[in-house]
N, C-alpha and C. Protein backbone atom coordinates (compact mmCIF):
# COMPACT_ATOMS: atom_id res chain seq x y z
N UNK A 1 -0.91 238.59 -3.06
CA UNK A 1 -0.35 240.22 -2.41
C UNK A 1 -2.30 240.66 -1.79
N UNK A 2 -3.52 239.62 -2.18
CA UNK A 2 -4.91 240.30 -1.76
C UNK A 2 -4.90 238.89 -1.19
N UNK A 3 -5.86 239.03 0.02
CA UNK A 3 -6.72 237.63 0.41
C UNK A 3 -8.06 237.72 0.39
N UNK A 4 -8.56 236.91 -0.01
CA UNK A 4 -10.27 236.83 -0.39
C UNK A 4 -10.48 236.82 0.66
N UNK A 5 -11.95 237.60 1.04
CA UNK A 5 -13.11 237.63 1.97
C UNK A 5 -14.49 236.99 1.42
N UNK A 6 -14.58 235.73 2.01
CA UNK A 6 -15.68 235.50 1.57
C UNK A 6 -17.18 235.85 1.55
N UNK A 7 -17.98 235.79 0.93
CA UNK A 7 -19.45 236.43 0.66
C UNK A 7 -19.24 237.00 -0.16
N UNK A 8 -21.18 237.19 -0.67
CA UNK A 8 -21.46 237.40 -1.57
C UNK A 8 -21.46 239.15 -1.49
N UNK A 9 -21.39 240.24 -1.83
CA UNK A 9 -20.38 240.13 -3.50
C UNK A 9 -18.71 239.13 -2.63
N UNK A 10 -17.95 239.02 -3.44
CA UNK A 10 -16.55 238.33 -2.64
C UNK A 10 -16.06 240.02 -2.53
N UNK A 11 -14.86 239.87 -1.91
CA UNK A 11 -14.12 240.71 -1.49
C UNK A 11 -12.66 240.33 -1.34
N UNK A 12 -12.16 241.18 -1.62
CA UNK A 12 -10.68 241.29 -1.21
C UNK A 12 -10.05 242.59 -0.34
N UNK A 13 -9.06 241.63 0.47
CA UNK A 13 -7.88 242.93 0.85
C UNK A 13 -6.62 242.41 1.19
N UNK A 14 -5.90 243.59 1.19
CA UNK A 14 -4.54 243.37 1.35
C UNK A 14 -3.77 242.65 2.08
N UNK A 15 -2.70 241.85 1.43
CA UNK A 15 -2.27 240.93 2.84
C UNK A 15 -0.60 242.14 3.20
N UNK A 16 -1.55 242.65 4.56
CA UNK A 16 0.14 243.28 4.73
C UNK A 16 0.91 242.49 5.50
N UNK A 17 1.04 241.46 5.49
CA UNK A 17 2.28 240.99 5.96
C UNK A 17 2.87 239.97 4.83
N UNK A 18 2.42 239.80 4.05
CA UNK A 18 3.17 239.74 2.54
C UNK A 18 3.87 241.31 1.93
N UNK A 19 3.20 241.87 1.94
CA UNK A 19 3.65 243.43 2.00
C UNK A 19 4.95 243.62 2.71
N UNK A 20 4.98 243.73 4.08
CA UNK A 20 6.05 243.31 4.54
C UNK A 20 7.45 242.82 4.92
N UNK A 21 7.19 241.46 4.14
CA UNK A 21 7.64 240.69 4.14
C UNK A 21 8.48 240.89 2.63
N UNK A 22 8.02 241.55 2.00
CA UNK A 22 8.66 242.26 0.74
C UNK A 22 9.81 243.04 0.77
N UNK A 23 9.02 243.70 1.22
CA UNK A 23 10.09 245.07 1.84
C UNK A 23 11.09 244.71 3.03
N UNK A 24 10.78 244.02 3.74
CA UNK A 24 12.01 243.24 4.47
C UNK A 24 13.11 242.60 3.37
N UNK A 25 12.64 241.83 2.59
CA UNK A 25 13.46 241.29 1.79
C UNK A 25 14.08 242.31 0.92
N UNK A 26 13.85 243.23 0.44
CA UNK A 26 14.31 244.27 -0.64
C UNK A 26 15.36 244.88 0.78
N UNK A 27 15.37 245.21 1.50
CA UNK A 27 15.76 245.46 2.32
C UNK A 27 17.03 244.66 2.53
N UNK A 28 17.06 243.96 2.47
CA UNK A 28 18.49 242.48 2.43
C UNK A 28 18.97 242.82 1.57
N UNK A 29 18.35 242.51 0.22
CA UNK A 29 18.97 242.82 -0.82
C UNK A 29 19.76 244.46 -1.32
N UNK A 30 19.09 245.27 -0.19
CA UNK A 30 20.01 246.08 -1.22
C UNK A 30 20.94 246.99 0.31
N UNK A 31 21.12 246.31 1.00
CA UNK A 31 21.84 246.41 1.85
C UNK A 31 22.55 245.80 2.83
N UNK A 32 23.88 245.37 3.22
CA UNK A 32 24.66 245.11 3.83
C UNK A 32 24.19 245.07 5.15
N UNK A 33 24.45 243.67 6.14
CA UNK A 33 24.33 244.11 7.57
C UNK A 33 24.79 245.43 8.13
N UNK A 34 25.35 245.79 8.00
CA UNK A 34 26.46 246.67 8.51
C UNK A 34 25.39 248.06 8.17
N UNK A 35 25.17 247.70 6.95
CA UNK A 35 24.51 248.94 6.45
C UNK A 35 22.86 249.08 6.72
N UNK A 36 22.55 247.80 6.97
CA UNK A 36 21.43 247.91 7.95
C UNK A 36 21.21 248.27 9.28
N UNK A 37 22.14 247.88 10.21
CA UNK A 37 22.23 248.61 11.12
C UNK A 37 22.84 249.73 11.36
N UNK A 38 23.83 250.43 10.26
CA UNK A 38 23.47 251.74 10.57
C UNK A 38 22.52 252.49 10.49
N UNK A 39 21.63 251.99 8.78
CA UNK A 39 20.37 252.83 8.93
C UNK A 39 19.69 252.71 9.99
N UNK A 40 19.31 251.75 10.53
CA UNK A 40 18.56 251.71 11.75
C UNK A 40 19.19 252.49 13.17
N UNK A 41 20.34 252.71 13.22
CA UNK A 41 20.93 253.92 14.60
C UNK A 41 20.55 255.34 13.72
N UNK A 42 20.25 255.55 12.57
CA UNK A 42 20.07 256.74 12.34
C UNK A 42 18.57 257.45 12.02
N UNK A 43 17.95 256.41 12.07
CA UNK A 43 16.71 256.40 11.93
C UNK A 43 16.01 256.28 13.36
N UNK A 44 16.44 255.79 14.11
CA UNK A 44 16.15 255.42 15.68
C UNK A 44 16.59 256.89 15.95
N UNK A 45 17.59 257.70 15.57
CA UNK A 45 18.19 258.57 16.09
C UNK A 45 17.01 260.51 15.83
N UNK A 46 16.57 259.84 14.61
CA UNK A 46 15.78 260.59 14.15
C UNK A 46 14.40 260.91 15.08
N UNK A 47 14.11 259.09 15.26
CA UNK A 47 12.73 259.46 15.89
C UNK A 47 13.54 259.97 17.16
N UNK A 48 14.30 259.69 17.59
CA UNK A 48 14.19 260.27 19.43
C UNK A 48 14.46 261.65 19.21
N UNK A 49 14.15 262.45 17.70
CA UNK A 49 14.49 263.94 18.36
C UNK A 49 12.80 263.81 17.86
N UNK A 50 12.38 263.90 17.32
CA UNK A 50 10.97 263.80 17.34
C UNK A 50 10.49 263.82 18.67
N UNK A 51 10.70 262.75 19.51
CA UNK A 51 9.83 262.63 20.69
C UNK A 51 10.42 263.59 21.41
N UNK A 52 11.60 263.51 21.53
CA UNK A 52 12.38 265.12 22.43
C UNK A 52 10.81 266.57 21.75
N UNK A 53 11.14 266.53 20.60
CA UNK A 53 10.50 268.19 20.17
C UNK A 53 8.82 268.11 20.50
N UNK A 54 8.52 267.12 20.14
CA UNK A 54 7.08 267.30 20.74
C UNK A 54 6.78 266.59 22.40
N UNK A 55 7.68 266.75 22.97
CA UNK A 55 7.68 265.59 24.27
C UNK A 55 6.73 264.54 24.52
N UNK A 56 6.46 263.62 23.69
CA UNK A 56 5.63 262.53 23.53
C UNK A 56 6.46 261.51 23.13
N UNK A 57 5.53 260.03 23.17
CA UNK A 57 6.69 258.57 23.00
C UNK A 57 6.12 258.18 21.80
N UNK A 58 5.19 259.25 21.14
CA UNK A 58 4.58 258.70 19.85
C UNK A 58 3.84 259.86 19.09
N UNK A 59 3.99 259.62 17.60
CA UNK A 59 3.15 260.65 17.15
C UNK A 59 1.82 261.02 17.51
N UNK A 60 1.39 259.78 17.58
CA UNK A 60 -0.30 259.32 17.99
C UNK A 60 -1.22 259.97 18.98
N UNK A 61 0.36 260.53 20.19
CA UNK A 61 -0.02 260.94 21.66
C UNK A 61 0.47 262.69 21.68
N UNK A 62 0.41 262.93 19.94
CA UNK A 62 0.51 264.74 19.40
C UNK A 62 -0.53 265.16 19.10
N UNK A 63 -1.16 266.21 19.99
CA UNK A 63 -2.74 266.77 18.89
C UNK A 63 -2.53 267.64 18.02
N UNK A 64 -2.65 267.65 17.29
CA UNK A 64 -2.54 268.31 16.34
C UNK A 64 -2.51 269.74 16.65
N UNK A 65 -3.86 270.29 16.89
CA UNK A 65 -4.60 270.98 17.42
C UNK A 65 -3.88 272.10 18.66
N UNK A 66 -3.25 271.06 19.47
CA UNK A 66 -2.04 271.53 20.46
C UNK A 66 -1.16 272.55 20.09
N UNK A 67 -0.32 271.86 18.87
CA UNK A 67 0.78 272.61 18.44
C UNK A 67 0.85 273.04 17.00
N UNK A 68 0.33 274.02 17.25
CA UNK A 68 -0.36 275.15 15.83
C UNK A 68 0.08 276.60 16.83
N UNK A 69 -0.01 276.72 17.86
CA UNK A 69 0.49 277.47 18.40
C UNK A 69 2.58 278.18 18.08
N UNK A 70 2.90 276.64 17.88
CA UNK A 70 4.59 276.95 17.54
C UNK A 70 4.93 277.17 16.56
N UNK A 71 4.11 276.30 15.07
CA UNK A 71 4.23 275.89 13.94
C UNK A 71 2.61 276.02 13.15
N UNK A 72 2.69 276.25 11.84
CA UNK A 72 1.64 275.74 11.31
C UNK A 72 0.97 274.45 10.93
N UNK A 73 -0.11 274.44 10.95
CA UNK A 73 -1.17 272.76 10.66
C UNK A 73 -0.26 271.88 10.04
N UNK A 74 0.13 272.53 8.93
CA UNK A 74 0.65 271.97 7.97
C UNK A 74 2.27 271.29 8.22
N UNK A 75 2.92 271.94 9.19
CA UNK A 75 4.20 271.77 9.58
C UNK A 75 4.19 271.07 10.95
N UNK A 76 3.30 271.38 10.77
CA UNK A 76 3.04 269.62 12.74
C UNK A 76 2.53 268.63 11.79
N UNK A 77 1.42 268.24 10.68
CA UNK A 77 1.24 267.70 10.31
C UNK A 77 1.88 267.04 9.64
N UNK A 78 3.17 267.35 8.53
CA UNK A 78 4.42 267.18 7.82
C UNK A 78 5.25 266.36 8.86
N UNK A 79 5.44 267.07 10.17
CA UNK A 79 6.67 266.56 11.13
C UNK A 79 6.00 265.06 11.76
N UNK A 80 4.51 265.30 11.91
CA UNK A 80 4.16 264.06 12.69
C UNK A 80 3.88 262.83 11.42
N UNK A 81 3.79 263.70 10.15
CA UNK A 81 4.06 262.29 9.27
C UNK A 81 5.10 261.28 9.02
N UNK A 82 5.82 262.30 9.12
CA UNK A 82 7.34 261.35 9.36
C UNK A 82 8.33 260.77 9.89
N UNK A 83 7.36 261.52 11.04
CA UNK A 83 7.90 260.71 12.61
C UNK A 83 6.66 259.30 12.06
N UNK A 84 5.74 259.29 11.70
CA UNK A 84 4.87 257.63 11.51
C UNK A 84 5.96 256.84 10.46
N UNK A 85 6.56 257.98 9.56
CA UNK A 85 7.27 256.81 8.13
C UNK A 85 8.99 256.06 9.03
N UNK A 86 9.27 256.98 9.46
CA UNK A 86 10.43 256.85 10.43
C UNK A 86 10.31 255.43 11.61
N UNK A 87 8.77 255.34 12.38
CA UNK A 87 8.64 254.41 13.07
C UNK A 87 8.24 252.91 11.81
N UNK A 88 7.70 253.35 11.04
CA UNK A 88 7.67 252.42 10.30
C UNK A 88 9.05 251.89 9.63
N UNK A 89 9.91 252.40 9.52
CA UNK A 89 11.10 251.78 8.71
C UNK A 89 11.78 251.53 9.62
N UNK A 90 11.66 252.08 10.62
CA UNK A 90 12.82 251.54 11.98
C UNK A 90 12.33 249.93 12.30
N UNK A 91 10.96 249.76 12.67
CA UNK A 91 10.83 248.52 12.28
C UNK A 91 10.53 247.25 11.06
N UNK A 92 10.81 247.98 10.02
CA UNK A 92 11.61 246.54 8.81
C UNK A 92 12.74 246.86 8.74
N UNK A 93 13.36 247.65 9.48
CA UNK A 93 15.03 247.49 9.61
C UNK A 93 15.34 246.58 10.49
N UNK A 94 14.94 247.06 11.31
CA UNK A 94 14.90 246.04 12.51
C UNK A 94 14.41 244.27 12.24
N UNK A 95 13.76 244.29 11.77
CA UNK A 95 13.26 242.91 11.36
C UNK A 95 14.12 242.72 10.09
N UNK A 96 14.48 243.21 9.03
CA UNK A 96 15.43 242.93 8.55
C UNK A 96 17.04 242.34 9.69
N UNK A 97 17.24 243.28 10.31
CA UNK A 97 18.25 242.94 11.44
C UNK A 97 18.46 241.49 11.88
N UNK A 98 17.25 241.64 12.53
CA UNK A 98 17.11 240.22 13.44
C UNK A 98 17.04 239.02 12.85
N UNK A 99 16.31 238.97 11.25
CA UNK A 99 15.95 237.52 10.83
C UNK A 99 17.47 237.47 10.06
N UNK A 100 18.93 238.29 9.61
CA UNK A 100 19.62 238.03 9.53
C UNK A 100 19.90 238.39 7.91
N UNK A 101 20.71 238.40 7.06
CA UNK A 101 20.73 238.30 5.91
C UNK A 101 19.79 237.83 5.00
N UNK A 102 19.50 237.43 3.91
CA UNK A 102 19.25 236.57 2.64
C UNK A 102 19.73 235.35 2.69
N UNK A 103 20.25 235.78 1.96
CA UNK A 103 21.94 234.84 1.47
C UNK A 103 22.78 234.13 2.70
N UNK A 104 22.16 234.35 3.71
CA UNK A 104 22.88 233.59 5.19
C UNK A 104 21.47 232.50 5.61
N UNK A 105 20.66 232.66 4.85
CA UNK A 105 19.78 231.36 4.97
C UNK A 105 18.93 232.27 6.76
N UNK A 106 18.57 232.97 6.81
CA UNK A 106 17.82 233.49 7.96
C UNK A 106 16.11 233.62 8.04
N UNK A 107 15.81 234.06 8.71
CA UNK A 107 14.07 233.86 9.02
C UNK A 107 13.82 234.01 8.07
N UNK A 108 12.35 233.58 7.42
CA UNK A 108 11.28 234.46 6.59
C UNK A 108 10.14 234.83 7.37
N UNK A 109 9.30 235.59 7.03
CA UNK A 109 8.09 235.79 7.64
C UNK A 109 6.94 235.31 7.01
N UNK A 110 5.93 234.83 7.27
CA UNK A 110 5.26 234.28 6.86
C UNK A 110 4.33 234.99 6.15
N UNK A 111 3.86 234.67 4.94
CA UNK A 111 2.61 235.45 3.58
C UNK A 111 1.87 234.92 3.86
């Protein structure tokens, strides 16, 4: 789960590829292929709603301060945070969908 970074003192960092692989495997274990596709479609629909709401391709393209006229800073921040989470979820679901279900011998992500 961590990688050692040589030097003095020895440091460690999270192994993000391992954590992504574990989450993809959890998705494959919890959902059928049809359920993964359904979840991905629903997630993509919600992402498209945020794109339309903020007239932007990505939450990183939205200025928090420019949006405070329409809603409170907290509301905008919460919406942007959810949008980022949805993007991450879509990536995980898409990886699980592309690699197939683990019981069908799908490809694995190197950890």
